[in-house]
PDB file of N, CA and C in Angstrom:
ATOM      1  N   UNK A   1      80.219-198.224 178.700  1.00  0.00           N
ATOM      2  CA  UNK A   1      79.606-198.960 179.081  1.00  0.00           C
ATOM      3  C   UNK A   1      80.704-199.215 180.831  1.00  0.00           C
ATOM      4  N   UNK A   2      80.288-199.372 181.282  1.00  0.00           N
ATOM      5  CA  UNK A   2      80.235-199.441 183.433  1.00  0.00           C
ATOM      6  C   UNK A   2      80.622-200.718 183.148  1.00  0.00           C
ATOM      7  N   UNK A   3      81.425-200.919 184.085  1.00  0.00           N
ATOM      8  CA  UNK A   3      81.713-202.688 184.444  1.00  0.00           C
ATOM      9  C   UNK A   3      81.492-203.026 185.915  1.00  0.00           C
ATOM     10  N   UNK A   4      80.724-203.797 186.428  1.00  0.00           N
ATOM     11  CA  UNK A   4      80.954-204.183 187.963  1.00  0.00           C
ATOM     12  C   UNK A   4      80.901-205.596 188.016  1.00  0.00           C
ATOM     13  N   UNK A   5      82.090-205.255 189.450  1.00  0.00           N
ATOM     14  CA  UNK A   5      81.498-206.868 190.093  1.00  0.00           C
ATOM     15  C   UNK A   5      80.768-207.136 191.177  1.00  0.00           C
ATOM     16  N   UNK A   6      80.075-208.153 191.013  1.00  0.00           N
ATOM     17  CA  UNK A   6      79.186-208.008 192.287  1.00  0.00           C
ATOM     18  C   UNK A   6      78.623-209.736 192.389  1.00  0.00           C
ATOM     19  N   UNK A   7      78.234-210.027 193.759  1.00  0.00           N
ATOM     20  CA  UNK A   7      78.625-211.328 194.026  1.00  0.00           C
ATOM     21  C   UNK A   7      76.812-211.660 194.702  1.00  0.00           C
ATOM     22  N   UNK A   8      76.410-212.915 194.966  1.00  0.00           N
ATOM     23  CA  UNK A   8      75.217-213.507 194.932  1.00  0.00           C
ATOM     24  C   UNK A   8      74.502-212.246 196.224  1.00  0.00           C
ATOM     25  N   UNK A   9      73.796-211.889 196.052  1.00  0.00           N
ATOM     26  CA  UNK A   9      72.791-211.164 196.948  1.00  0.00           C
ATOM     27  C   UNK A   9      73.197-209.717 196.728  1.00  0.00           C
ATOM     28  N   UNK A  10      73.838-209.429 196.167  1.00  0.00           N
ATOM     29  CA  UNK A  10      74.347-207.839 196.053  1.00  0.00           C
ATOM     30  C   UNK A  10      72.988-207.671 194.591  1.00  0.00           C
ATOM     31  N   UNK A  11      73.016-206.208 194.575  1.00  0.00           N
ATOM     32  CA  UNK A  11      72.585-205.540 193.717  1.00  0.00           C
ATOM     33  C   UNK A  11      73.005-204.132 193.288  1.00  0.00           C
ATOM     34  N   UNK A  12      72.524-203.668 191.764  1.00  0.00           N
ATOM     35  CA  UNK A  12      72.626-202.411 191.235  1.00  0.00           C
ATOM     36  C   UNK A  12      71.568-201.189 191.231  1.00  0.00           C
ATOM     37  N   UNK A  13      71.870-200.698 191.226  1.00  0.00           N
ATOM     38  CA  UNK A  13      70.296-199.889 191.053  1.00  0.00           C
ATOM     39  C   UNK A  13      70.747-198.477 189.735  1.00  0.00           C
ATOM     40  N   UNK A  14      69.366-198.240 189.282  1.00  0.00           N
ATOM     41  CA  UNK A  14      69.468-197.645 188.180  1.00  0.00           C
ATOM     42  C   UNK A  14      68.419-196.670 187.944  1.00  0.00           C
ATOM     43  N   UNK A  15      68.961-195.459 188.344  1.00  0.00           N
ATOM     44  CA  UNK A  15      67.565-194.303 188.909  1.00  0.00           C
ATOM     45  C   UNK A  15      67.210-194.559 190.378  1.00  0.00           C
ATOM     46  N   UNK A  16      65.815-194.300 190.441  1.00  0.00           N
ATOM     47  CA  UNK A  16      65.930-194.438 191.912  1.00  0.00           C
ATOM     48  C   UNK A  16      64.716-195.468 191.609  1.00  0.00           C
ATOM     49  N   UNK A  17      64.812-196.227 190.443  1.00  0.00           N
ATOM     50  CA  UNK A  17      63.656-196.949 190.815  1.00  0.00           C
ATOM     51  C   UNK A  17      63.684-198.477 190.105  1.00  0.00           C
ATOM     52  N   UNK A  18      65.108-198.876 189.439  1.00  0.00           N
ATOM     53  CA  UNK A  18      65.190-199.683 188.683  1.00  0.00           C
ATOM     54  C   UNK A  18      66.096-200.497 189.604  1.00  0.00           C
ATOM     55  N   UNK A  19      65.847-201.556 190.121  1.00  0.00           N
ATOM     56  CA  UNK A  19      67.313-202.532 190.688  1.00  0.00           C
ATOM     57  C   UNK A  19      67.377-204.100 190.097  1.00  0.00           C
ATOM     58  N   UNK A  20      68.411-204.015 190.121  1.00  0.00           N
ATOM     59  CA  UNK A  20      69.062-205.216 189.714  1.00  0.00           C
ATOM     60  C   UNK A  20      69.807-206.141 190.570  1.00  0.00           C
ATOM     61  N   UNK A  21      69.253-207.166 191.022  1.00  0.00           N
ATOM     62  CA  UNK A  21      70.034-208.307 192.154  1.00  0.00           C
ATOM     63  C   UNK A  21      70.502-209.614 191.315  1.00  0.00           C
ATOM     64  N   UNK A  22      71.780-209.792 191.785  1.00  0.00           N
ATOM     65  CA  UNK A  22      72.788-211.599 191.208  1.00  0.00           C
ATOM     66  C   UNK A  22      71.825-212.459 192.238  1.00  0.00           C
ATOM     67  N   UNK A  23      70.631-213.336 191.883  1.00  0.00           N
ATOM     68  CA  UNK A  23      69.898-214.033 192.556  1.00  0.00           C
ATOM     69  C   UNK A  23      71.050-215.388 192.680  1.00  0.00           C
ATOM     70  N   UNK A  24      71.585-215.427 191.697  1.00  0.00           N
ATOM     71  CA  UNK A  24      72.241-217.269 191.484  1.00  0.00           C
ATOM     72  C   UNK A  24      73.636-216.935 190.765  1.00  0.00           C
ATOM     73  N   UNK A  25      74.638-217.730 191.091  1.00  0.00           N
ATOM     74  CA  UNK A  25      75.850-217.489 189.744  1.00  0.00           C
ATOM     75  C   UNK A  25      76.452-219.388 190.060  1.00  0.00           C
ATOM     76  N   UNK A  26      75.990-219.707 188.810  1.00  0.00           N
ATOM     77  CA  UNK A  26      76.426-221.611 188.370  1.00  0.00           C
ATOM     78  C   UNK A  26      77.349-221.796 187.213  1.00  0.00           C
ATOM     79  N   UNK A  27      78.736-221.930 187.574  1.00  0.00           N
ATOM     80  CA  UNK A  27      79.399-222.093 186.078  1.00  0.00           C
ATOM     81  C   UNK A  27      79.421-220.517 185.485  1.00  0.00           C
ATOM     82  N   UNK A  28      79.093-220.546 184.289  1.00  0.00           N
ATOM     83  CA  UNK A  28      79.405-219.522 183.403  1.00  0.00           C
ATOM     84  C   UNK A  28      77.888-218.698 183.668  1.00  0.00           C
ATOM     85  N   UNK A  29      77.030-219.136 184.634  1.00  0.00           N
ATOM     86  CA  UNK A  29      75.510-218.594 184.266  1.00  0.00           C
ATOM     87  C   UNK A  29      75.457-218.017 185.313  1.00  0.00           C
ATOM     88  N   UNK A  30      75.145-216.613 185.120  1.00  0.00           N
ATOM     89  CA  UNK A  30      74.438-215.596 186.213  1.00  0.00           C
ATOM     90  C   UNK A  30      72.893-215.457 185.899  1.00  0.00           C
ATOM     91  N   UNK A  31      72.465-215.547 187.482  1.00  0.00           N
ATOM     92  CA  UNK A  31      70.197-215.296 187.098  1.00  0.00           C
ATOM     93  C   UNK A  31      70.492-214.164 188.010  1.00  0.00           C
ATOM     94  N   UNK A  32      70.137-213.106 187.224  1.00  0.00           N
ATOM     95  CA  UNK A  32      69.598-211.781 187.688  1.00  0.00           C
ATOM     96  C   UNK A  32      67.964-211.769 188.048  1.00  0.00           C
ATOM     97  N   UNK A  33      67.856-211.070 189.103  1.00  0.00           N
ATOM     98  CA  UNK A  33      66.268-210.620 189.499  1.00  0.00           C
ATOM     99  C   UNK A  33      66.522-208.838 188.824  1.00  0.00           C
ATOM    100  N   UNK A  34      65.103-208.200 188.743  1.00  0.00           N
ATOM    101  CA  UNK A  34      65.279-206.891 188.069  1.00  0.00           C
ATOM    102  C   UNK A  34      63.878-206.406 188.863  1.00  0.00           C
ATOM    103  N   UNK A  35      63.983-205.236 189.336  1.00  0.00           N
ATOM    104  CA  UNK A  35      62.426-204.945 189.833  1.00  0.00           C
ATOM    105  C   UNK A  35      62.603-203.636 188.898  1.00  0.00           C
ATOM    106  N   UNK A  36      61.255-203.201 188.525  1.00  0.00           N
ATOM    107  CA  UNK A  36      61.332-202.014 187.757  1.00  0.00           C
ATOM    108  C   UNK A  36      59.548-201.692 187.503  1.00  0.00           C
ATOM    109  N   UNK A  37      59.590-200.052 187.536  1.00  0.00           N
ATOM    110  CA  UNK A  37      57.786-200.533 186.951  1.00  0.00           C
ATOM    111  C   UNK A  37      57.421-200.784 186.292  1.00  0.00           C
ATOM    112  N   UNK A  38      56.302-201.297 186.282  1.00  0.00           N
ATOM    113  CA  UNK A  38      55.552-201.812 184.914  1.00  0.00           C
ATOM    114  C   UNK A  38      55.682-201.283 183.536  1.00  0.00           C
ATOM    115  N   UNK A  39      55.535-199.425 183.892  1.00  0.00           N
ATOM    116  CA  UNK A  39      55.461-198.968 182.730  1.00  0.00           C
ATOM    117  C   UNK A  39      57.116-199.267 182.217  1.00  0.00           C
ATOM    118  N   UNK A  40      58.346-199.703 182.715  1.00  0.00           N
ATOM    119  CA  UNK A  40      59.237-199.685 181.635  1.00  0.00           C
ATOM    120  C   UNK A  40      59.639-201.230 181.189  1.00  0.00           C
ATOM    121  N   UNK A  41      59.570-201.101 179.854  1.00  0.00           N
ATOM    122  CA  UNK A  41      59.960-203.098 179.503  1.00  0.00           C
ATOM    123  C   UNK A  41      60.884-203.660 179.991  1.00  0.00           C
ATOM    124  N   UNK A  42      61.284-204.733 180.412  1.00  0.00           N
ATOM    125  CA  UNK A  42      62.267-205.528 180.601  1.00  0.00           C
ATOM    126  C   UNK A  42      62.059-206.187 179.722  1.00  0.00           C
ATOM    127  N   UNK A  43      63.582-206.661 179.196  1.00  0.00           N
ATOM    128  CA  UNK A  43      63.533-207.583 177.858  1.00  0.00           C
ATOM    129  C   UNK A  43      64.949-208.193 177.550  1.00  0.00           C
ATOM    130  N   UNK A  44      64.943-209.563 177.734  1.00  0.00           N
ATOM    131  CA  UNK A  44      66.237-210.295 176.914  1.00  0.00           C
ATOM    132  C   UNK A  44      66.788-209.262 175.119  1.00  0.00           C
ATOM    133  N   UNK A  45      67.988-209.188 175.280  1.00  0.00           N
ATOM    134  CA  UNK A  45      68.193-208.483 174.525  1.00  0.00           C
ATOM    135  C   UNK A  45      67.960-209.439 173.062  1.00  0.00           C
ATOM    136  N   UNK A  46      67.923-210.814 172.856  1.00  0.00           N
ATOM    137  CA  UNK A  46      67.675-210.842 171.925  1.00  0.00           C
ATOM    138  C   UNK A  46      66.057-211.342 171.076  1.00  0.00           C
ATOM    139  N   UNK A  47      65.232-211.094 172.569  1.00  0.00           N
ATOM    140  CA  UNK A  47      63.671-210.563 172.494  1.00  0.00           C
ATOM    141  C   UNK A  47      63.673-209.151 172.248  1.00  0.00           C
ATOM    142  N   UNK A  48      64.389-208.117 172.534  1.00  0.00           N
ATOM    143  CA  UNK A  48      64.306-207.035 172.651  1.00  0.00           C
ATOM    144  C   UNK A  48      64.509-206.853 170.489  1.00  0.00           C
ATOM    145  N   UNK A  49      65.537-207.234 169.811  1.00  0.00           N
ATOM    146  CA  UNK A  49      65.888-207.454 168.790  1.00  0.00           C
ATOM    147  C   UNK A  49      64.967-207.684 167.844  1.00  0.00           C
ATOM    148  N   UNK A  50      64.500-209.026 168.065  1.00  0.00           N
ATOM    149  CA  UNK A  50      63.267-209.363 167.504  1.00  0.00           C
ATOM    150  C   UNK A  50      62.034-208.509 167.310  1.00  0.00           C
ATOM    151  N   UNK A  51      61.689-207.741 168.606  1.00  0.00           N
ATOM    152  CA  UNK A  51      60.695-206.442 168.420  1.00  0.00           C
ATOM    153  C   UNK A  51      61.121-205.482 167.530  1.00  0.00           C
ATOM    154  N   UNK A  52      62.369-204.932 167.826  1.00  0.00           N
ATOM    155  CA  UNK A  52      62.601-203.836 167.054  1.00  0.00           C
ATOM    156  C   UNK A  52      62.794-204.183 165.427  1.00  0.00           C
ATOM    157  N   UNK A  53      62.912-205.465 164.961  1.00  0.00           N
ATOM    158  CA  UNK A  53      62.793-205.971 163.374  1.00  0.00           C
ATOM    159  C   UNK A  53      61.620-206.123 163.132  1.00  0.00           C
ATOM    160  N   UNK A  54      60.352-206.837 164.026  1.00  0.00           N
ATOM    161  CA  UNK A  54      59.419-206.802 163.961  1.00  0.00           C
ATOM    162  C   UNK A  54      58.774-205.355 163.819  1.00  0.00           C
ATOM    163  N   UNK A  55      58.839-204.180 164.702  1.00  0.00           N
ATOM    164  CA  UNK A  55      58.649-202.936 164.465  1.00  0.00           C
ATOM    165  C   UNK A  55      58.384-202.399 163.161  1.00  0.00           C
ATOM    166  N   UNK A  56      60.096-202.539 162.398  1.00  0.00           N
ATOM    167  CA  UNK A  56      60.878-202.220 161.714  1.00  0.00           C
ATOM    168  C   UNK A  56      60.000-202.562 160.221  1.00  0.00           C
ATOM    169  N   UNK A  57      59.442-203.532 160.138  1.00  0.00           N
ATOM    170  CA  UNK A  57      59.253-204.464 159.245  1.00  0.00           C
ATOM    171  C   UNK A  57      57.592-204.570 159.092  1.00  0.00           C
ATOM    172  N   UNK A  58      56.766-204.087 160.077  1.00  0.00           N
ATOM    173  CA  UNK A  58      55.615-203.122 159.839  1.00  0.00           C
ATOM    174  C   UNK A  58      55.174-202.335 159.590  1.00  0.00           C
ATOM    175  N   UNK A  59      56.287-201.644 159.940  1.00  0.00           N
ATOM    176  CA  UNK A  59      56.741-199.444 159.471  1.00  0.00           C
ATOM    177  C   UNK A  59      56.784-200.037 157.478  1.00  0.00           C
ATOM    178  N   UNK A  60      57.378-200.939 157.470  1.00  0.00           N
ATOM    179  CA  UNK A  60      57.460-200.846 155.778  1.00  0.00           C
ATOM    180  C   UNK A  60      56.378-201.395 155.370  1.00  0.00           C
ATOM    181  N   UNK A  61      55.755-202.180 155.769  1.00  0.00           N
ATOM    182  CA  UNK A  61      54.521-202.898 155.446  1.00  0.00           C
ATOM    183  C   UNK A  61      53.485-201.429 155.484  1.00  0.00           C
ATOM    184  N   UNK A  62      53.479-200.872 156.483  1.00  0.00           N
ATOM    185  CA  UNK A  62      52.217-199.755 156.630  1.00  0.00           C
ATOM    186  C   UNK A  62      52.326-198.313 155.477  1.00  0.00           C
ATOM    187  N   UNK A  63      53.890-198.662 155.190  1.00  0.00           N
ATOM    188  CA  UNK A  63      54.105-197.403 154.132  1.00  0.00           C
ATOM    189  C   UNK A  63      53.888-197.517 152.906  1.00  0.00           C
ATOM    190  N   UNK A  64      54.090-198.791 152.542  1.00  0.00           N
ATOM    191  CA  UNK A  64      53.430-199.527 151.148  1.00  0.00           C
ATOM    192  C   UNK A  64      51.699-199.545 151.020  1.00  0.00           C
ATOM    193  N   UNK A  65      51.364-199.653 151.848  1.00  0.00           N
ATOM    194  CA  UNK A  65      50.020-199.735 152.400  1.00  0.00           C
ATOM    195  C   UNK A  65      49.732-198.279 151.588  1.00  0.00           C
ATOM    196  N   UNK A  66      49.679-197.530 152.626  1.00  0.00           N
ATOM    197  CA  UNK A  66      49.422-195.909 152.243  1.00  0.00           C
ATOM    198  C   UNK A  66      49.718-195.650 150.680  1.00  0.00           C
ATOM    199  N   UNK A  67      51.096-196.038 150.476  1.00  0.00           N
ATOM    200  CA  UNK A  67      51.042-195.680 148.727  1.00  0.00           C
ATOM    201  C   UNK A  67      50.096-196.422 148.129  1.00  0.00           C
ATOM    202  N   UNK A  68      49.556-197.518 148.406  1.00  0.00           N
ATOM    203  CA  UNK A  68      48.751-197.893 147.815  1.00  0.00           C
ATOM    204  C   UNK A  68      47.136-197.520 147.912  1.00  0.00           C
ATOM    205  N   UNK A  69      46.550-196.785 148.778  1.00  0.00           N
ATOM    206  CA  UNK A  69      45.627-195.986 149.348  1.00  0.00           C
ATOM    207  C   UNK A  69      45.798-194.946 148.019  1.00  0.00           C
ATOM    208  N   UNK A  70      46.795-194.362 148.185  1.00  0.00           N
ATOM    209  CA  UNK A  70      46.863-192.614 147.461  1.00  0.00           C
ATOM    210  C   UNK A  70      46.467-193.049 146.025  1.00  0.00           C
ATOM    211  N   UNK A  71      46.673-194.333 145.680  1.00  0.00           N
ATOM    212  CA  UNK A  71      46.358-194.552 144.114  1.00  0.00           C
ATOM    213  C   UNK A  71      44.895-194.452 143.652  1.00  0.00           C
ATOM    214  N   UNK A  72      44.077-195.114 144.900  1.00  0.00           N
ATOM    215  CA  UNK A  72      42.794-195.252 144.231  1.00  0.00           C
ATOM    216  C   UNK A  72      42.086-194.131 144.107  1.00  0.00           C
ATOM    217  N   UNK A  73      42.347-192.930 144.137  1.00  0.00           N
ATOM    218  CA  UNK A  73      42.012-191.792 144.082  1.00  0.00           C
ATOM    219  C   UNK A  73      41.123-191.696 142.616  1.00  0.00           C
TER     220      UNK A  73
END
């Protein structure tokens, strides 16, 4: 993991097309602005974790459904 120190108004560039800017700092809370192409999803980690879990559950359901369909022969 790369750890960087940034001040309000400073930014970090990832590759050529993603920029993360420190918008404000209030106590222990930091507000970030993220500029990225539309095709690159940007999510808070807790939302990303929920998406991953939902996808896993969906895949399980699809496997079960497929197995049930093969029994219909």
